[in-house]
Amino acid sequence: MTNILVINLGSTSSKIGFYQDENCVSMETIHHDLNISQKPLLDQESYRIDSIKSFIKEKTPGMQSIDAIACRGGLLKPIVGGTYTVNSKMYEDLRSFKYGVHASNLSGIIGYKLGEILNIPVFIVDPVVVDELIDIARITGIKDIKRRSVFHALNQKAVARQYAKSIQKPYNKVNVIVVHMGGGITVGAHLQGKVVDVNEGLYGEGPMSPERAGTIPNDMLYQFGVERGYSPEALQHFISKKAGLVNLCSTNNMKQLVNEYSVNKTTRLILDAMIYQIAKTIGERAVIFKGDIDQILLTGGIAHSQLITDKIQEYVEWIAPVSVYPGELEMEALANQVYEAVNLREEVKIYS
């Protein structure tokens, strides 16, 4: 039997699981208040490690029982999808935030440290930097700027595979638009097993989200930063952590905002705007398929809200049928892929 610890750290929560082979024995989701999630990431490290150790103590046979660790992948250089060993090179790139700042980096950072202590292998699966974009999706109107692929690759691919399985087709034989709605929102065009276009969901384009600004008119964003004396790093932090619903509503608590929808006109307007922006982005992805779309899949934590999913569906169901996969399949995908890797049924790639 293979005991696998799964570490999936996001911007607003820590998800920790213990699996025996492919079966979940215990799982916990810790939701973090703004006083934690708004801290610089390395300042959150000790708090998150303590949370993981408490989970291990309370919900598993103990540290020494763990055979492997599966981590959500962070911001790295663009790489093909798959399962990777967390080696010293990856650890250094994650900890230096060389390729960007995101809470998912902490998964590999903390996993690597625990792996060294326990002398066990540590892996990531389908990190957020999986890059399968077609060439025309990269081009912008500035020669020196190319669009990047940074999105919820792990859950998007897991949900797309589950949908394909439900209609008894392989993932590489379906065309779907997958919308992951969490602290960030990404909308991916999955064309026969490849995510050929997706918004850069951390600093870049697409709909606003609970914490992120999304697409902003270029001149207004530039002027906004200049007027406030922001450095590039400070502006990046603002648009990825302190914008979106946090900026407009002073909270990223979706349950609270949905409850206010019918009684607070301002909240209703802002949520309607986010829904509208999500639907517009789905429309952008639709052109890629030239009408040949099997399904639109709504997933992520926000997909638990029927209010929001119903309103998105009203905008886009003329494009393709809509299915809802509330929450995410990231934990299962991490555990399953690492189980396959540990038992030599899945190729393990080396980050270099």
Protein backbone atom coordinates (compact mmCIF):
# COMPACT_ATOMS: atom_id res chain seq x y z
CA MET A 1 0.00 0.00 0.00
CA THR A 2 1.27 3.47 -0.92
CA ASN A 3 0.57 6.30 1.54
CA ILE A 4 0.50 9.70 -0.16
CA LEU A 5 0.32 13.12 1.47
CA VAL A 6 -1.31 15.68 -0.84
CA ILE A 7 -0.51 19.38 -0.38
CA ASN A 8 -2.54 21.87 -2.40
CA LEU A 9 -2.00 25.45 -1.25
CA GLY A 10 -4.01 28.22 -2.89
CA SER A 11 -4.31 31.94 -2.39
CA THR A 12 -7.20 31.71 0.08
CA SER A 13 -7.03 28.14 1.41
CA SER A 14 -4.84 25.15 2.23
CA LYS A 15 -6.12 21.74 1.14
CA ILE A 16 -4.36 18.75 2.68
CA GLY A 17 -5.17 15.08 2.10
CA PHE A 18 -3.95 11.61 3.03
CA TYR A 19 -4.45 8.85 0.47
CA GLN A 20 -3.79 5.13 0.62
CA ASP A 21 -3.19 4.10 -2.97
CA GLU A 22 -5.92 6.05 -4.82
CA ASN A 23 -8.36 6.16 -1.91
CA CYS A 24 -8.84 9.25 0.22
CA VAL A 25 -8.58 8.41 3.92
CA SER A 26 -8.79 11.96 5.27
CA MET A 27 -8.90 15.50 3.92
CA GLU A 28 -9.12 19.00 5.31
CA THR A 29 -9.61 22.43 3.77
CA ILE A 30 -8.38 25.36 5.85
CA HIS A 31 -9.80 28.72 4.76
CA HIS A 32 -7.51 31.62 5.57
CA ASP A 33 -8.58 35.05 6.71
CA LEU A 34 -7.30 38.09 4.87
CA ASN A 35 -4.77 38.72 7.64
CA ILE A 36 -3.06 35.49 6.51
CA SER A 37 -3.71 35.41 2.75
CA GLN A 38 -2.62 39.03 2.25
CA LYS A 39 0.81 38.46 3.85
CA PRO A 40 3.90 38.00 1.64
CA LEU A 41 4.04 34.31 0.77
CA LEU A 42 7.24 33.40 2.60
CA ASP A 43 5.78 35.05 5.71
CA GLN A 44 2.92 32.52 5.45
CA GLU A 45 5.28 29.54 5.30
CA SER A 46 5.56 28.71 9.00
CA TYR A 47 1.80 29.10 9.52
CA ARG A 48 1.05 26.75 6.62
CA ILE A 49 3.66 24.21 7.73
CA ASP A 50 2.11 24.14 11.20
CA SER A 51 -1.31 23.51 9.62
CA ILE A 52 0.09 20.58 7.62
CA LYS A 53 1.85 19.08 10.65
CA SER A 54 -1.34 19.35 12.69
CA PHE A 55 -3.23 17.52 9.95
CA ILE A 56 -0.60 14.76 9.82
CA LYS A 57 -0.72 14.36 13.61
CA GLU A 58 -4.52 14.27 13.81
CA LYS A 59 -5.60 12.61 10.56
CA THR A 60 -2.84 10.14 9.56
CA PRO A 61 -0.84 7.30 11.16
CA GLY A 62 2.05 9.77 11.46
CA MET A 63 4.93 11.35 9.56
CA GLN A 64 6.86 8.11 9.19
CA SER A 65 3.93 6.39 7.47
CA ILE A 66 4.11 8.69 4.42
CA ASP A 67 5.69 7.15 1.29
CA ALA A 68 5.42 10.09 -1.12
CA ILE A 69 4.20 13.68 -1.29
CA ALA A 70 2.08 15.12 -4.10
CA CYS A 71 2.12 18.91 -4.43
CA ARG A 72 0.24 21.42 -6.51
CA GLY A 73 2.69 22.90 -9.00
CA GLY A 74 3.69 26.56 -8.77
CA LEU A 75 5.00 29.26 -11.08
CA LEU A 76 7.93 27.79 -12.97
CA LYS A 77 9.27 28.15 -16.48
CA PRO A 78 6.83 26.94 -19.17
CA ILE A 79 6.84 23.13 -19.28
CA VAL A 80 4.78 20.38 -20.84
CA GLY A 81 2.08 18.75 -18.75
CA GLY A 82 2.79 15.70 -16.64
CA THR A 83 4.30 14.54 -13.34
CA TYR A 84 7.62 16.02 -12.17
CA THR A 85 10.00 15.31 -9.30
CA VAL A 86 10.48 18.32 -7.04
CA ASN A 87 14.26 18.58 -7.19
CA SER A 88 16.64 21.25 -5.86
CA LYS A 89 16.43 23.26 -9.11
CA MET A 90 12.63 23.40 -8.92
CA TYR A 91 12.77 24.26 -5.22
CA GLU A 92 15.12 27.17 -5.91
CA ASP A 93 12.92 28.50 -8.72
CA LEU A 94 9.79 28.23 -6.58
CA ARG A 95 11.35 29.90 -3.55
CA SER A 96 12.95 32.74 -5.51
CA PHE A 97 9.63 33.50 -7.27
CA LYS A 98 11.74 33.86 -10.39
CA TYR A 99 8.72 33.24 -12.63
CA GLY A 100 6.06 34.98 -10.55
CA VAL A 101 4.46 35.09 -7.11
CA HIS A 102 1.60 32.75 -6.24
CA ALA A 103 0.55 30.73 -3.21
CA SER A 104 0.87 27.50 -5.19
CA ASN A 105 4.66 27.93 -4.99
CA LEU A 106 4.40 27.18 -1.28
CA SER A 107 3.13 23.65 -2.02
CA GLY A 108 6.40 22.58 -3.63
CA ILE A 109 8.53 24.61 -1.21
CA ILE A 110 6.98 22.99 1.85
CA GLY A 111 6.69 19.57 0.20
CA TYR A 112 10.39 19.61 -0.68
CA LYS A 113 11.35 20.41 2.92
CA LEU A 114 9.15 17.64 4.31
CA GLY A 115 10.49 15.22 1.70
CA GLU A 116 14.06 15.92 2.77
CA ILE A 117 13.18 15.36 6.43
CA LEU A 118 11.40 12.07 5.67
CA ASN A 119 13.70 11.00 2.81
CA ILE A 120 10.77 10.33 0.47
CA PRO A 121 10.03 11.44 -3.12
CA VAL A 122 8.06 14.62 -3.78
CA PHE A 123 6.17 15.39 -6.99
CA ILE A 124 4.10 18.04 -8.72
CA VAL A 125 1.47 17.31 -11.39
CA ASP A 126 0.26 19.59 -14.23
CA PRO A 127 1.52 22.86 -12.74
CA VAL A 128 -0.09 26.22 -13.48
CA VAL A 129 2.57 26.92 -16.15
CA VAL A 130 1.62 24.03 -18.44
CA ASP A 131 2.03 25.59 -21.89
CA GLU A 132 0.17 24.12 -24.87
CA LEU A 133 -0.79 27.41 -26.54
CA ILE A 134 -1.03 27.62 -30.31
CA ASP A 135 1.31 30.19 -31.82
CA ILE A 136 -1.35 32.75 -32.78
CA ALA A 137 -2.58 32.83 -29.17
CA ARG A 138 0.82 34.16 -28.04
CA ILE A 139 1.01 37.20 -30.31
CA THR A 140 0.27 40.70 -28.98
CA GLY A 141 0.53 44.11 -30.61
CA ILE A 142 3.97 44.63 -29.06
CA LYS A 143 6.86 42.72 -30.58
CA ASP A 144 8.62 42.10 -27.28
CA ILE A 145 5.53 40.89 -25.38
CA LYS A 146 4.13 37.39 -25.79
CA ARG A 147 1.11 36.02 -23.96
CA ARG A 148 1.87 33.44 -21.29
CA SER A 149 0.08 30.26 -20.28
CA VAL A 150 -0.59 30.51 -16.52
CA PHE A 151 -3.82 28.87 -15.42
CA HIS A 152 -5.47 26.23 -13.23
CA ALA A 153 -4.04 23.44 -15.36
CA LEU A 154 -4.39 20.67 -12.79
CA ASN A 155 -8.10 21.11 -12.16
CA GLN A 156 -9.01 22.15 -15.68
CA LYS A 157 -7.46 18.99 -17.11
CA ALA A 158 -8.90 16.78 -14.36
CA VAL A 159 -12.43 18.11 -14.95
CA ALA A 160 -12.08 17.81 -18.73
CA ARG A 161 -10.93 14.19 -18.35
CA GLN A 162 -13.85 13.40 -16.04
CA TYR A 163 -16.30 14.88 -18.53
CA ALA A 164 -14.72 12.90 -21.38
CA LYS A 165 -14.97 9.73 -19.30
CA SER A 166 -18.65 10.45 -18.61
CA ILE A 167 -19.40 10.37 -22.34
CA GLN A 168 -17.06 7.41 -22.88
CA LYS A 169 -14.49 9.30 -24.91
CA PRO A 170 -10.77 9.89 -24.31
CA TYR A 171 -9.74 13.42 -23.32
CA ASN A 172 -7.95 13.88 -26.62
CA LYS A 173 -11.19 13.32 -28.53
CA VAL A 174 -13.32 16.08 -26.98
CA ASN A 175 -13.52 19.86 -27.40
CA VAL A 176 -14.49 21.68 -24.21
CA ILE A 177 -14.27 25.12 -22.63
CA VAL A 178 -13.34 24.81 -18.96
CA VAL A 179 -13.96 27.71 -16.57
CA HIS A 180 -12.15 27.48 -13.23
CA MET A 181 -13.58 30.00 -10.75
CA GLY A 182 -11.68 30.44 -7.49
CA GLY A 183 -9.41 33.15 -6.08
CA GLY A 184 -8.49 33.60 -9.74
CA ILE A 185 -10.58 32.75 -12.79
CA THR A 186 -9.21 31.09 -15.92
CA VAL A 187 -11.10 30.03 -19.05
CA GLY A 188 -9.35 27.41 -21.17
CA ALA A 189 -10.05 26.08 -24.66
CA HIS A 190 -9.30 22.33 -24.57
CA LEU A 191 -8.95 21.23 -28.19
CA GLN A 192 -8.54 17.44 -28.35
CA GLY A 193 -6.41 17.19 -25.21
CA LYS A 194 -4.45 20.44 -25.52
CA VAL A 195 -5.22 23.76 -23.85
CA VAL A 196 -4.60 25.85 -26.95
CA ASP A 197 -5.76 29.18 -25.50
CA VAL A 198 -6.33 30.42 -21.95
CA ASN A 199 -6.20 33.77 -20.17
CA GLU A 200 -3.15 34.46 -18.01
CA GLY A 201 -5.07 34.30 -14.77
CA LEU A 202 -2.54 35.69 -12.30
CA TYR A 203 -1.49 39.14 -13.50
CA GLY A 204 -2.94 39.29 -16.96
CA GLU A 205 -6.20 39.04 -18.84
CA GLY A 206 -9.71 37.75 -18.46
CA PRO A 207 -12.52 38.36 -15.97
CA MET A 208 -12.03 39.97 -12.60
CA SER A 209 -12.14 37.53 -9.70
CA PRO A 210 -12.36 37.60 -5.90
CA GLU A 211 -8.77 38.91 -5.71
CA ARG A 212 -7.63 39.82 -9.24
CA ALA A 213 -8.24 42.76 -11.51
CA GLY A 214 -8.49 40.87 -14.80
CA THR A 215 -8.34 42.85 -18.05
CA ILE A 216 -7.97 46.61 -17.48
CA PRO A 217 -7.70 49.33 -20.18
CA ASN A 218 -3.97 49.80 -20.73
CA ASP A 219 -3.87 53.58 -20.38
CA MET A 220 -5.96 53.60 -17.22
CA LEU A 221 -3.86 50.91 -15.53
CA TYR A 222 -0.66 52.75 -16.43
CA GLN A 223 -2.00 56.03 -15.09
CA PHE A 224 -3.30 54.32 -11.94
CA GLY A 225 0.17 52.96 -11.16
CA VAL A 226 1.96 56.24 -11.91
CA GLU A 227 -0.39 58.34 -9.79
CA ARG A 228 0.16 56.08 -6.78
CA GLY A 229 3.91 55.72 -7.28
CA TYR A 230 3.70 51.95 -7.55
CA SER A 231 6.79 49.99 -8.50
CA PRO A 232 6.18 47.18 -11.02
CA GLU A 233 6.31 44.69 -8.14
CA ALA A 234 3.82 46.67 -6.04
CA LEU A 235 1.42 47.00 -8.96
CA GLN A 236 1.67 43.25 -9.66
CA HIS A 237 0.84 42.52 -6.02
CA PHE A 238 -2.11 44.90 -6.13
CA ILE A 239 -3.71 43.54 -9.31
CA SER A 240 -3.25 39.90 -8.23
CA LYS A 241 -4.07 40.08 -4.51
CA LYS A 242 -5.91 43.29 -3.66
CA ALA A 243 -8.10 43.91 -6.70
CA GLY A 244 -11.33 42.34 -7.94
CA LEU A 245 -13.99 41.76 -5.29
CA VAL A 246 -11.54 42.50 -2.46
CA ASN A 247 -11.13 46.00 -3.87
CA LEU A 248 -14.75 46.56 -4.89
CA CYS A 249 -16.53 44.87 -1.97
CA SER A 250 -13.80 44.78 0.73
CA THR A 251 -14.05 40.97 0.93
CA ASN A 252 -13.29 37.83 -1.06
CA ASN A 253 -15.94 35.83 0.81
CA MET A 254 -18.17 34.59 -2.00
CA LYS A 255 -20.75 33.04 0.31
CA GLN A 256 -21.28 36.39 2.00
CA LEU A 257 -21.50 38.27 -1.29
CA VAL A 258 -23.95 35.79 -2.82
CA ASN A 259 -26.13 36.10 0.29
CA GLU A 260 -26.12 39.89 -0.18
CA TYR A 261 -27.01 39.67 -3.88
CA SER A 262 -30.76 40.14 -3.52
CA VAL A 263 -30.61 42.87 -0.87
CA ASN A 264 -27.58 45.01 -1.78
CA LYS A 265 -27.70 46.83 -5.11
CA THR A 266 -23.96 47.53 -5.17
CA THR A 267 -23.06 43.89 -4.50
CA ARG A 268 -25.51 42.76 -7.17
CA LEU A 269 -24.03 45.11 -9.76
CA ILE A 270 -20.47 43.97 -9.03
CA LEU A 271 -21.30 40.25 -9.10
CA ASP A 272 -23.29 40.74 -12.29
CA ALA A 273 -20.23 42.46 -13.81
CA MET A 274 -17.97 39.54 -12.86
CA ILE A 275 -20.49 37.06 -14.32
CA TYR A 276 -20.70 39.13 -17.51
CA GLN A 277 -16.90 39.18 -17.84
CA ILE A 278 -16.71 35.40 -17.37
CA ALA A 279 -19.35 34.90 -20.06
CA LYS A 280 -17.53 37.24 -22.46
CA THR A 281 -14.32 35.25 -22.00
CA ILE A 282 -16.17 32.00 -22.73
CA GLY A 283 -17.37 33.66 -25.94
CA GLU A 284 -13.78 34.51 -26.87
CA ARG A 285 -12.73 30.88 -26.46
CA ALA A 286 -15.69 29.67 -28.53
CA VAL A 287 -14.32 31.10 -31.77
CA ILE A 288 -11.34 28.74 -31.60
CA PHE A 289 -13.55 25.70 -32.17
CA LYS A 290 -15.47 27.20 -35.10
CA GLY A 291 -18.72 25.78 -33.74
CA ASP A 292 -17.46 22.29 -32.79
CA ILE A 293 -17.79 22.43 -28.97
CA ASP A 294 -18.94 19.44 -26.94
CA GLN A 295 -19.51 21.16 -23.60
CA ILE A 296 -18.80 24.17 -21.38
CA LEU A 297 -17.62 23.04 -17.93
CA LEU A 298 -17.90 25.33 -14.87
CA THR A 299 -15.72 24.37 -11.94
CA GLY A 300 -13.88 25.76 -8.90
CA GLY A 301 -15.15 26.94 -5.54
CA ILE A 302 -17.42 29.62 -6.98
CA ALA A 303 -19.24 26.94 -8.99
CA HIS A 304 -20.90 25.90 -5.71
CA SER A 305 -23.11 28.97 -6.16
CA GLN A 306 -26.10 28.05 -8.29
CA LEU A 307 -26.91 31.76 -8.57
CA ILE A 308 -23.65 32.41 -10.38
CA THR A 309 -23.60 29.26 -12.53
CA ASP A 310 -27.21 29.78 -13.61
CA LYS A 311 -26.50 33.36 -14.67
CA ILE A 312 -23.40 32.34 -16.62
CA GLN A 313 -25.44 29.62 -18.32
CA GLU A 314 -28.06 32.18 -19.39
CA TYR A 315 -25.35 34.00 -21.35
CA VAL A 316 -23.57 31.04 -22.96
CA GLU A 317 -25.86 28.00 -23.32
CA TRP A 318 -26.48 28.98 -26.95
CA ILE A 319 -22.80 28.19 -27.59
CA ALA A 320 -22.80 24.67 -26.10
CA PRO A 321 -24.43 22.69 -23.26
CA VAL A 322 -23.19 23.64 -19.78
CA SER A 323 -22.17 21.22 -17.02
CA VAL A 324 -21.19 22.20 -13.48
CA TYR A 325 -18.42 20.47 -11.49
CA PRO A 326 -18.47 22.33 -8.14
CA GLY A 327 -15.19 22.60 -6.26
CA GLU A 328 -12.25 20.94 -7.90
CA LEU A 329 -10.71 17.55 -8.62
CA GLU A 330 -7.17 18.68 -7.86
CA MET A 331 -6.64 16.49 -4.80
CA GLU A 332 -7.79 13.34 -6.56
CA ALA A 333 -5.73 14.17 -9.65
CA LEU A 334 -2.59 14.76 -7.58
CA ALA A 335 -3.00 11.55 -5.59
CA ASN A 336 -3.88 9.42 -8.61
CA GLN A 337 -1.05 10.65 -10.82
CA VAL A 338 1.55 10.30 -8.04
CA TYR A 339 0.27 6.82 -7.20
CA GLU A 340 0.81 5.91 -10.86
CA ALA A 341 4.29 7.47 -10.79
CA VAL A 342 5.40 5.75 -7.57
CA ASN A 343 4.24 2.42 -8.97
CA LEU A 344 6.06 3.07 -12.27
CA ARG A 345 2.91 3.36 -14.38
CA GLU A 346 3.38 7.05 -15.12
CA GLU A 347 6.44 8.72 -16.67
CA VAL A 348 8.18 11.04 -14.22
CA LYS A 349 9.73 14.10 -15.82
CA ILE A 350 12.81 15.96 -14.59
CA TYR A 351 12.78 19.73 -14.19
CA SER A 352 16.03 21.30 -15.35
